[in-house]
Amino acid sequence: METIEWLGWVATALLLTGYYLNAKQYIYSWIVWLFGNSIMFIYALLIQSNSVAFLSIVLVFLNIFGWRSWRKKNNE
């Protein structure tokens, strides 16, 4: 398996872990998603998949928004 393919699998594992942690309502699920989507963005650029790269960068911003919203909600 090539290094680029491993990168895709690592991103996938992080994203699935993020979904699980979010279902359990752990705030750090957003951080796991942030790393997963960041790696997926790099992977998409390497395989020249512009649509996946675009989706990943949008999701990175949504991950930041979600983390900040949950943190603010937990501090109230």
Protein backbone atom coordinates (compact mmCIF):
# COMPACT_ATOMS: atom_id res chain seq x y z
CA MET A 1 0.00 0.00 0.00
CA GLU A 2 1.37 3.39 -0.95
CA THR A 3 1.93 6.24 1.50
CA ILE A 4 -0.81 8.32 -0.11
CA GLU A 5 -3.32 5.51 0.35
CA TRP A 6 -2.35 5.19 4.02
CA LEU A 7 -3.03 8.90 4.41
CA GLY A 8 -6.56 8.37 3.14
CA TRP A 9 -7.12 5.47 5.54
CA VAL A 10 -5.80 7.45 8.52
CA ALA A 11 -8.14 10.33 7.65
CA THR A 12 -11.05 7.90 7.31
CA ALA A 13 -10.29 6.31 10.69
CA LEU A 14 -10.14 9.73 12.36
CA LEU A 15 -13.41 10.80 10.75
CA LEU A 16 -15.19 7.63 11.85
CA THR A 17 -13.79 8.05 15.36
CA GLY A 18 -15.06 11.63 15.34
CA TYR A 19 -18.55 10.44 14.42
CA TYR A 20 -18.49 7.93 17.27
CA LEU A 21 -17.26 10.49 19.80
CA ASN A 22 -19.87 12.97 18.62
CA ALA A 23 -22.61 10.37 19.09
CA LYS A 24 -21.34 10.00 22.66
CA GLN A 25 -21.45 13.82 22.93
CA TYR A 26 -17.76 14.31 23.73
CA ILE A 27 -16.64 17.84 22.93
CA TYR A 28 -13.25 16.68 21.67
CA SER A 29 -15.02 14.88 18.81
CA TRP A 30 -14.75 18.21 16.98
CA ILE A 31 -10.97 18.23 17.37
CA VAL A 32 -10.71 14.65 16.06
CA TRP A 33 -12.88 15.68 13.09
CA LEU A 34 -10.71 18.74 12.54
CA PHE A 35 -7.59 16.59 12.24
CA GLY A 36 -9.39 14.02 10.10
CA ASN A 37 -10.73 16.62 7.69
CA SER A 38 -7.36 18.37 7.53
CA ILE A 39 -5.66 15.12 6.57
CA MET A 40 -8.44 14.34 4.10
CA PHE A 41 -7.88 17.78 2.52
CA ILE A 42 -4.19 16.99 2.00
CA TYR A 43 -5.07 13.53 0.68
CA ALA A 44 -7.61 15.02 -1.76
CA LEU A 45 -5.02 17.47 -3.06
CA LEU A 46 -2.51 14.67 -3.56
CA ILE A 47 -4.97 12.57 -5.55
CA GLN A 48 -6.23 15.69 -7.36
CA SER A 49 -9.82 15.39 -6.20
CA ASN A 50 -10.97 18.98 -6.10
CA SER A 51 -14.51 18.21 -4.94
CA VAL A 52 -13.26 16.24 -1.90
CA ALA A 53 -10.68 18.96 -1.16
CA PHE A 54 -13.42 21.60 -1.24
CA LEU A 55 -15.69 19.53 1.00
CA SER A 56 -12.85 18.91 3.45
CA ILE A 57 -11.94 22.57 3.81
CA VAL A 58 -15.59 23.52 4.35
CA LEU A 59 -15.86 20.80 6.99
CA VAL A 60 -12.72 22.10 8.73
CA PHE A 61 -14.46 25.46 9.22
CA LEU A 62 -17.64 23.70 10.40
CA ASN A 63 -15.54 21.66 12.86
CA ILE A 64 -14.12 24.87 14.31
CA PHE A 65 -17.60 26.38 14.50
CA GLY A 66 -19.03 23.26 16.18
CA TRP A 67 -16.21 23.06 18.73
CA ARG A 68 -16.59 26.74 19.64
CA SER A 69 -20.37 26.43 19.90
CA TRP A 70 -20.21 23.36 22.14
CA ARG A 71 -17.49 24.93 24.30
CA LYS A 72 -19.55 28.10 24.71
CA LYS A 73 -22.66 26.05 25.54
CA ASN A 74 -20.75 23.99 28.14
CA ASN A 75 -19.39 27.13 29.82
CA GLU A 76 -22.85 28.60 30.38
